[in-house]
């Protein structure tokens, strides 16, 4: 059905939702109808009640949908299932979209039949002054500036879902052809995201184009506790663990022909050995990461990602090779976007 479904995945979001909803409530009228879906993901606070109260006299219908299985992946899947319109706009509970975001998102994705998803410029809105290191490490916080966009290579292979508009037909075809998430994303306070990266990697590998359009703009609220060095270290360690899954999506993995190199690359112990070798080559950085705060040191962030990767490989030790083989032979990888239109 023609229109846009805006989806907010929420877990205990009662304090963050009012400002987010105020920005959505102030939207300019779009050309097509739209709706707002709040996916209440096992919240233990009054997220649903706050959403209803804040959306009184809102410009679009509101549906609050319960998803009891904790994890942003499950909330996102429920949003895809429940949405009634042909395009879906994902807005995080701490995203403050520009007044024309809904209208512009619909105009952009509806005008390009080959576009599977389009992302936004995402600028930080910090509760306190940002630390000196923030500009160098803003990417893990799902921040994307105009300067970052100028430096992005095309074709774009992946995007975060904060401020992402997705073509529902592209998702439906992925599911019909057997796609399943390997990552659950953030679960409560466990910082291991990546399911959004996995989604857009899958869209790209099934033939759809990805884009970022500077006309789509939002602010990403950063509370004080997220602007701490220890939080960033935890965040990057979680990303390191998630990136083990992304090995299977790499062009290198998919292009390897049968032989010793592919056999080795699919062995978790071989990949673990490479990570440990990398760690062993930087003993001073490893000691700094283990024994000190090491605030602002780039090499410590690299070590955290390698720690996370090693832990991720250990968790996948019985499944790593099968994951890569399954993805190489996945039916959805051969989808033709023209079949979805």
Protein backbone atom coordinates (compact mmCIF):
# COMPACT_ATOMS: atom_id res chain seq x y z
CA UNK A 1 0.00 0.00 0.00
CA UNK A 2 1.33 3.44 -0.93
CA UNK A 3 2.69 5.35 2.06
CA UNK A 4 5.34 5.33 4.81
CA UNK A 5 5.37 3.42 8.10
CA UNK A 6 7.63 5.11 10.67
CA UNK A 7 8.90 2.56 13.19
CA UNK A 8 10.46 3.22 16.61
CA UNK A 9 11.87 0.16 18.39
CA UNK A 10 11.71 0.82 22.13
CA UNK A 11 13.04 -0.84 25.26
CA UNK A 12 12.39 1.19 28.42
CA UNK A 13 12.22 4.37 26.36
CA UNK A 14 9.82 6.46 28.45
CA UNK A 15 12.39 9.17 29.19
CA UNK A 16 13.67 9.42 25.61
CA UNK A 17 10.40 9.22 23.69
CA UNK A 18 8.79 12.61 24.43
CA UNK A 19 11.36 14.68 22.50
CA UNK A 20 11.59 12.10 19.71
CA UNK A 21 7.82 12.08 19.29
CA UNK A 22 7.63 15.88 19.46
CA UNK A 23 9.86 16.07 16.38
CA UNK A 24 7.74 13.51 14.54
CA UNK A 25 4.58 15.31 15.59
CA UNK A 26 5.89 18.50 13.96
CA UNK A 27 6.28 16.92 10.51
CA UNK A 28 5.26 18.74 7.36
CA UNK A 29 2.39 16.89 5.64
CA UNK A 30 3.82 14.35 3.16
CA UNK A 31 2.33 13.53 -0.24
CA UNK A 32 1.30 10.05 0.88
CA UNK A 33 -0.29 8.72 4.07
CA UNK A 34 1.92 7.61 6.94
CA UNK A 35 1.61 5.84 10.25
CA UNK A 36 3.67 5.58 13.44
CA UNK A 37 4.48 2.18 14.94
CA UNK A 38 6.01 2.02 18.42
CA UNK A 39 7.40 -1.48 18.99
CA UNK A 40 7.45 -2.00 22.75
CA UNK A 41 10.28 -4.50 23.17
CA UNK A 42 9.83 -6.10 26.60
CA UNK A 43 9.81 -2.74 28.39
CA UNK A 44 9.43 -2.70 32.16
CA UNK A 45 8.62 1.01 32.35
CA UNK A 46 5.67 3.00 31.02
CA UNK A 47 6.93 3.32 27.43
CA UNK A 48 3.53 2.50 25.92
CA UNK A 49 1.64 4.96 28.11
CA UNK A 50 4.12 7.75 27.39
CA UNK A 51 3.82 7.12 23.65
CA UNK A 52 0.02 7.31 23.78
CA UNK A 53 0.07 10.49 25.86
CA UNK A 54 2.67 12.27 23.71
CA UNK A 55 0.94 11.35 20.44
CA UNK A 56 -2.46 12.77 21.33
CA UNK A 57 -3.74 14.66 18.28
CA UNK A 58 -0.72 13.42 16.32
CA UNK A 59 -0.68 13.89 12.53
CA UNK A 60 -0.71 10.15 11.76
CA UNK A 61 -2.31 7.03 13.24
CA UNK A 62 -0.37 5.46 16.12
CA UNK A 63 -0.10 1.74 16.77
CA UNK A 64 1.71 0.39 19.82
CA UNK A 65 2.80 -3.19 19.26
CA UNK A 66 4.17 -5.50 21.92
CA UNK A 67 7.24 -7.62 21.12
CA UNK A 68 8.04 -9.71 24.22
CA UNK A 69 11.24 -11.29 22.83
CA UNK A 70 14.00 -8.94 24.02
CA UNK A 71 16.43 -7.78 21.34
CA UNK A 72 16.32 -5.02 18.74
CA UNK A 73 16.42 -7.60 15.95
CA UNK A 74 13.09 -9.04 17.10
CA UNK A 75 11.58 -5.58 17.46
CA UNK A 76 12.72 -4.66 13.96
CA UNK A 77 11.34 -7.89 12.48
CA UNK A 78 8.01 -7.20 14.17
CA UNK A 79 8.01 -3.73 12.66
CA UNK A 80 8.54 -5.15 9.17
CA UNK A 81 5.72 -7.63 9.73
CA UNK A 82 3.22 -5.11 11.12
CA UNK A 83 3.87 -2.18 8.76
CA UNK A 84 1.06 -1.64 6.28
CA UNK A 85 2.82 0.70 3.85
CA UNK A 86 5.34 0.00 1.07
CA UNK A 87 8.17 2.01 2.66
CA UNK A 88 9.45 1.84 6.24
CA UNK A 89 11.29 4.59 8.08
CA UNK A 90 13.31 3.47 11.11
CA UNK A 91 13.79 6.13 13.77
CA UNK A 92 15.58 5.28 17.02
CA UNK A 93 14.07 6.40 20.30
CA UNK A 94 16.82 9.03 20.61
CA UNK A 95 16.60 10.38 17.05
CA UNK A 96 15.21 13.89 16.54
CA UNK A 97 14.24 14.09 12.88
CA UNK A 98 14.02 17.30 10.87
CA UNK A 99 10.56 18.76 10.25
CA UNK A 100 10.49 17.48 6.65
CA UNK A 101 11.98 14.02 7.28
CA UNK A 102 8.84 11.95 6.61
CA UNK A 103 7.95 13.86 3.44
CA UNK A 104 11.51 13.81 2.09
CA UNK A 105 12.11 10.14 2.90
CA UNK A 106 9.00 9.15 0.98
CA UNK A 107 9.85 11.36 -2.00
CA UNK A 108 13.41 10.00 -2.27
CA UNK A 109 12.78 6.27 -2.02
CA UNK A 110 9.56 6.29 -4.05
CA UNK A 111 11.29 8.05 -6.95
CA UNK A 112 14.06 5.44 -7.46
CA UNK A 113 12.88 1.90 -8.23
CA UNK A 114 16.33 0.38 -7.68
CA UNK A 115 16.85 1.90 -4.24
CA UNK A 116 16.55 -0.64 -1.43
CA UNK A 117 17.32 1.74 1.43
CA UNK A 118 18.35 5.35 1.96
CA UNK A 119 20.05 6.77 5.05
CA UNK A 120 20.20 10.17 6.72
CA UNK A 121 22.76 12.71 7.86
CA UNK A 122 22.97 12.11 11.62
CA UNK A 123 24.48 14.85 13.77
CA UNK A 124 25.14 14.50 17.51
CA UNK A 125 23.09 16.35 20.11
CA UNK A 126 25.21 15.92 23.24
CA UNK A 127 23.74 16.29 26.72
CA UNK A 128 27.12 17.57 27.95
CA UNK A 129 30.14 18.95 26.10
CA UNK A 130 31.58 16.22 23.92
CA UNK A 131 35.01 14.87 24.96
CA UNK A 132 38.14 15.80 23.01
CA UNK A 133 38.27 12.37 21.34
CA UNK A 134 34.66 12.37 20.12
CA UNK A 135 35.30 13.80 16.66
CA UNK A 136 37.78 11.00 15.95
CA UNK A 137 35.43 8.27 17.18
CA UNK A 138 31.94 9.50 16.28
CA UNK A 139 31.25 6.79 13.69
CA UNK A 140 30.52 4.02 16.27
CA UNK A 141 27.86 6.34 17.71
CA UNK A 142 25.93 6.21 14.40
CA UNK A 143 26.91 9.80 13.62
CA UNK A 144 27.34 10.77 9.97
CA UNK A 145 28.22 14.33 8.98
CA UNK A 146 28.28 15.97 5.58
CA UNK A 147 32.07 15.67 5.65
CA UNK A 148 31.79 11.93 6.30
CA UNK A 149 29.38 11.60 3.38
CA UNK A 150 31.86 13.29 1.04
CA UNK A 151 34.46 10.66 1.97
CA UNK A 152 32.21 7.62 1.52
CA UNK A 153 33.02 5.27 -1.32
CA UNK A 154 30.36 4.10 -3.75
CA UNK A 155 28.68 1.73 -4.02
CA UNK A 156 27.71 1.89 -0.36
CA UNK A 157 27.68 -1.61 1.17
CA UNK A 158 25.99 -1.00 4.53
CA UNK A 159 24.20 1.61 6.64
CA UNK A 160 22.94 1.86 10.23
CA UNK A 161 19.18 1.90 10.70
CA UNK A 162 19.02 5.22 12.58
CA UNK A 163 17.10 7.37 10.13
CA UNK A 164 16.99 4.63 7.49
CA UNK A 165 14.13 4.28 5.00
CA UNK A 166 13.70 0.76 3.56
CA UNK A 167 11.66 -0.65 0.68
CA UNK A 168 9.38 -3.30 2.22
CA UNK A 169 9.29 -5.38 -0.98
CA UNK A 170 13.06 -5.81 -0.75
CA UNK A 171 12.76 -7.15 2.80
CA UNK A 172 9.85 -9.43 1.88
CA UNK A 173 11.84 -10.98 -0.96
CA UNK A 174 14.82 -11.59 1.36
CA UNK A 175 12.60 -13.44 3.83
CA UNK A 176 10.81 -15.43 1.12
CA UNK A 177 14.18 -16.64 -0.12
CA UNK A 178 15.42 -17.76 3.28
CA UNK A 179 17.26 -14.80 4.80
CA UNK A 180 17.54 -14.90 8.59
CA UNK A 181 19.46 -12.57 10.87
CA UNK A 182 22.57 -14.03 12.48
CA UNK A 183 22.83 -11.11 14.90
CA UNK A 184 20.27 -10.06 17.49
CA UNK A 185 21.57 -6.51 17.90
CA UNK A 186 21.55 -4.74 21.24
CA UNK A 187 19.80 -6.76 23.96
CA UNK A 188 18.93 -4.61 26.96
CA UNK A 189 22.26 -3.16 28.12
CA UNK A 190 24.39 -5.63 26.12
CA UNK A 191 26.22 -3.57 23.51
CA UNK A 192 26.55 -5.93 20.58
CA UNK A 193 24.79 -4.29 17.69
CA UNK A 194 25.24 -5.01 14.03
CA UNK A 195 21.88 -6.40 12.98
CA UNK A 196 21.26 -3.15 11.10
CA UNK A 197 24.55 -3.55 9.25
CA UNK A 198 23.61 -7.14 8.49
CA UNK A 199 20.23 -6.06 7.08
CA UNK A 200 21.71 -3.52 4.71
CA UNK A 201 24.56 -5.85 3.70
CA UNK A 202 21.91 -8.40 2.72
CA UNK A 203 19.97 -5.81 0.74
CA UNK A 204 23.14 -4.81 -1.10
CA UNK A 205 24.13 -8.42 -1.82
CA UNK A 206 20.69 -9.20 -3.19
CA UNK A 207 21.11 -6.49 -5.80
CA UNK A 208 19.57 -3.38 -4.26
CA UNK A 209 21.26 -0.01 -4.17
CA UNK A 210 21.96 1.80 -0.90
CA UNK A 211 22.31 5.56 -0.59
CA UNK A 212 22.63 8.42 1.86
CA UNK A 213 20.79 11.61 0.98
CA UNK A 214 21.87 14.86 2.64
CA UNK A 215 18.29 16.13 2.46
CA UNK A 216 17.39 13.60 5.16
CA UNK A 217 18.57 14.98 8.48
CA UNK A 218 18.28 14.13 12.14
CA UNK A 219 19.99 14.75 15.46
CA UNK A 220 21.15 11.79 17.51
CA UNK A 221 20.85 12.50 21.24
CA UNK A 222 23.92 11.48 23.28
CA UNK A 223 23.34 11.26 27.05
CA UNK A 224 26.31 11.96 29.29
CA UNK A 225 26.94 8.30 30.17
CA UNK A 226 27.47 7.40 26.52
CA UNK A 227 30.15 10.05 26.15
CA UNK A 228 32.51 8.20 28.46
CA UNK A 229 35.64 6.45 27.21
CA UNK A 230 34.72 3.20 28.96
CA UNK A 231 31.38 3.16 27.11
CA UNK A 232 33.13 3.59 23.76
CA UNK A 233 35.50 0.74 24.61
CA UNK A 234 32.55 -1.54 25.37
CA UNK A 235 30.85 -0.41 22.17
CA UNK A 236 33.87 -1.23 20.01
CA UNK A 237 34.40 -4.59 21.68
CA UNK A 238 30.79 -5.45 20.82
CA UNK A 239 31.35 -4.32 17.24
CA UNK A 240 34.43 -6.52 17.03
CA UNK A 241 32.33 -9.54 18.01
CA UNK A 242 29.64 -8.64 15.46
CA UNK A 243 32.16 -8.28 12.65
CA UNK A 244 32.89 -12.01 12.85
CA UNK A 245 29.47 -12.49 11.25
CA UNK A 246 30.33 -9.94 8.57
CA UNK A 247 33.23 -12.15 7.43
CA UNK A 248 30.62 -14.23 5.63
CA UNK A 249 29.31 -11.16 3.79
CA UNK A 250 32.70 -10.02 2.52
CA UNK A 251 33.46 -9.97 -1.19
CA UNK A 252 36.66 -11.85 -0.37
CA UNK A 253 34.75 -14.70 1.28
CA UNK A 254 32.20 -14.95 -1.50
CA UNK A 255 34.77 -14.85 -4.29
CA UNK A 256 37.10 -17.57 -2.97
CA UNK A 257 37.13 -20.69 -5.09
CA UNK A 258 37.49 -24.17 -3.64
CA UNK A 259 41.00 -24.86 -2.45
CA UNK A 260 43.34 -24.54 0.54
CA UNK A 261 42.80 -20.79 0.98
CA UNK A 262 39.03 -21.11 1.23
CA UNK A 263 39.30 -24.16 3.48
CA UNK A 264 41.58 -22.26 5.85
CA UNK A 265 39.50 -19.07 5.76
CA UNK A 266 36.44 -21.01 6.94
CA UNK A 267 38.17 -22.44 10.03
CA UNK A 268 37.42 -20.46 13.18
CA UNK A 269 40.74 -21.47 14.74
CA UNK A 270 42.62 -20.02 11.78
CA UNK A 271 40.77 -16.72 12.10
CA UNK A 272 41.30 -16.75 15.87
CA UNK A 273 45.01 -17.32 15.32
CA UNK A 274 45.13 -14.27 13.06
CA UNK A 275 43.46 -12.15 15.74
CA UNK A 276 45.80 -13.40 18.46
CA UNK A 277 48.79 -12.77 16.21
CA UNK A 278 47.57 -9.23 15.67
CA UNK A 279 47.25 -8.73 19.43
CA UNK A 280 50.69 -10.22 20.06
CA UNK A 281 52.22 -7.77 17.60
CA UNK A 282 51.12 -4.83 19.79
CA UNK A 283 52.10 -5.79 23.36
CA UNK A 284 52.25 -2.21 24.64
CA UNK A 285 48.77 -1.40 23.38
CA UNK A 286 47.42 -4.65 24.84
CA UNK A 287 48.93 -3.85 28.25
CA UNK A 288 47.54 -0.32 28.08
CA UNK A 289 44.08 -1.68 27.28
CA UNK A 290 44.22 -4.21 30.11
CA UNK A 291 45.84 -2.10 32.83
CA UNK A 292 45.00 1.55 32.17
CA UNK A 293 42.15 3.81 31.15
CA UNK A 294 44.14 4.89 28.07
CA UNK A 295 41.66 7.62 27.16
CA UNK A 296 42.01 8.97 23.64
CA UNK A 297 44.49 6.38 22.41
CA UNK A 298 43.58 5.10 18.94
CA UNK A 299 45.57 1.89 19.27
CA UNK A 300 43.55 0.88 22.34
CA UNK A 301 40.34 1.10 20.32
CA UNK A 302 41.87 -1.23 17.75
CA UNK A 303 42.80 -3.65 20.53
CA UNK A 304 39.24 -3.57 21.90
CA UNK A 305 37.89 -4.56 18.49
CA UNK A 306 40.38 -7.42 18.28
CA UNK A 307 39.39 -8.58 21.79
CA UNK A 308 35.76 -8.56 20.64
CA UNK A 309 36.61 -10.42 17.46
CA UNK A 310 38.43 -13.14 19.40
CA UNK A 311 35.46 -13.55 21.74
CA UNK A 312 33.07 -13.66 18.78
CA UNK A 313 35.12 -16.39 17.11
CA UNK A 314 35.10 -18.45 20.30
CA UNK A 315 31.31 -18.12 20.49
CA UNK A 316 31.00 -19.30 16.87
CA UNK A 317 33.61 -22.04 17.00
CA UNK A 318 31.16 -24.77 16.07
CA UNK A 319 29.33 -22.78 13.40
CA UNK A 320 31.74 -20.34 11.74
CA UNK A 321 32.52 -22.40 8.65
CA UNK A 322 28.91 -23.46 8.13
CA UNK A 323 27.80 -19.83 8.36
CA UNK A 324 30.16 -18.80 5.56
CA UNK A 325 29.18 -21.74 3.37
CA UNK A 326 25.47 -21.20 3.92
CA UNK A 327 25.70 -17.56 2.97
CA UNK A 328 27.75 -18.32 -0.13
CA UNK A 329 24.96 -20.60 -1.35
CA UNK A 330 22.00 -18.56 -0.07
CA UNK A 331 19.12 -18.28 -2.52
CA UNK A 332 18.40 -14.68 -1.54
CA UNK A 333 21.85 -13.63 -2.76
CA UNK A 334 20.67 -14.26 -6.30
CA UNK A 335 17.50 -12.20 -6.09
CA UNK A 336 16.91 -9.81 -8.97
CA UNK A 337 15.50 -6.50 -7.68
CA UNK A 338 13.23 -6.28 -10.72
CA UNK A 339 11.28 -9.26 -9.32
CA UNK A 340 10.29 -7.16 -6.31
CA UNK A 341 8.84 -4.22 -8.18
